[in-house]
Amino acid sequence: MNFLAQQGIHPLLFALIVDFLTMLERDSYTMKM
């Protein structure tokens, strides 16, 4: 997490990105089925 802090990425923004990526993975997974 120190690397992210040095890059200036806020934890909240990082959480939003992770949530967005998981949503994309879920959509692609449902499309495969």
C-alpha atoms as a PDB file:
ATOM      1  CA  MET A   1       0.000   0.000   0.000  1.00  0.00           C
ATOM      2  CA  ASN A   2       3.009   2.292   0.456  1.00  0.00           C
ATOM      3  CA  PHE A   3       3.601   2.195  -3.307  1.00  0.00           C
ATOM      4  CA  LEU A   4       0.018   3.312  -3.960  1.00  0.00           C
ATOM      5  CA  ALA A   5       0.404   6.124  -1.444  1.00  0.00           C
ATOM      6  CA  GLN A   6       3.559   7.322  -3.205  1.00  0.00           C
ATOM      7  CA  GLN A   7       1.686   7.331  -6.519  1.00  0.00           C
ATOM      8  CA  GLY A   8      -0.923   9.610  -4.962  1.00  0.00           C
ATOM      9  CA  ILE A   9      -3.799   7.140  -5.258  1.00  0.00           C
ATOM     10  CA  HIS A  10      -6.349   7.584  -2.506  1.00  0.00           C
ATOM     11  CA  PRO A  11      -7.609   4.415  -0.761  1.00  0.00           C
ATOM     12  CA  LEU A  12     -11.179   5.393  -1.639  1.00  0.00           C
ATOM     13  CA  LEU A  13     -10.301   5.753  -5.322  1.00  0.00           C
ATOM     14  CA  PHE A  14      -8.438   2.439  -5.194  1.00  0.00           C
ATOM     15  CA  ALA A  15     -11.516   0.783  -3.661  1.00  0.00           C
ATOM     16  CA  LEU A  16     -13.702   2.212  -6.432  1.00  0.00           C
ATOM     17  CA  ILE A  17     -11.329   0.834  -9.088  1.00  0.00           C
ATOM     18  CA  VAL A  18     -11.312  -2.612  -7.459  1.00  0.00           C
ATOM     19  CA  ASP A  19     -15.107  -2.598  -7.223  1.00  0.00           C
ATOM     20  CA  PHE A  20     -15.364  -1.547 -10.877  1.00  0.00           C
ATOM     21  CA  LEU A  21     -12.997  -4.332 -11.976  1.00  0.00           C
ATOM     22  CA  THR A  22     -14.919  -6.942  -9.997  1.00  0.00           C
ATOM     23  CA  MET A  23     -18.144  -5.705 -11.606  1.00  0.00           C
ATOM     24  CA  LEU A  24     -16.597  -6.094 -15.071  1.00  0.00           C
ATOM     25  CA  GLU A  25     -15.425  -9.616 -14.234  1.00  0.00           C
ATOM     26  CA  ARG A  26     -18.903 -10.514 -12.981  1.00  0.00           C
ATOM     27  CA  ASP A  27     -20.515  -9.166 -16.177  1.00  0.00           C
ATOM     28  CA  SER A  28     -18.088 -11.073 -18.418  1.00  0.00           C
ATOM     29  CA  TYR A  29     -18.652 -14.210 -16.332  1.00  0.00           C
ATOM     30  CA  THR A  30     -22.426 -13.970 -16.737  1.00  0.00           C
ATOM     31  CA  MET A  31     -22.000 -13.368 -20.480  1.00  0.00           C
ATOM     32  CA  LYS A  32     -19.998 -16.604 -20.810  1.00  0.00           C
ATOM     33  CA  MET A  33     -22.899 -18.508 -19.277  1.00  0.00           C
END
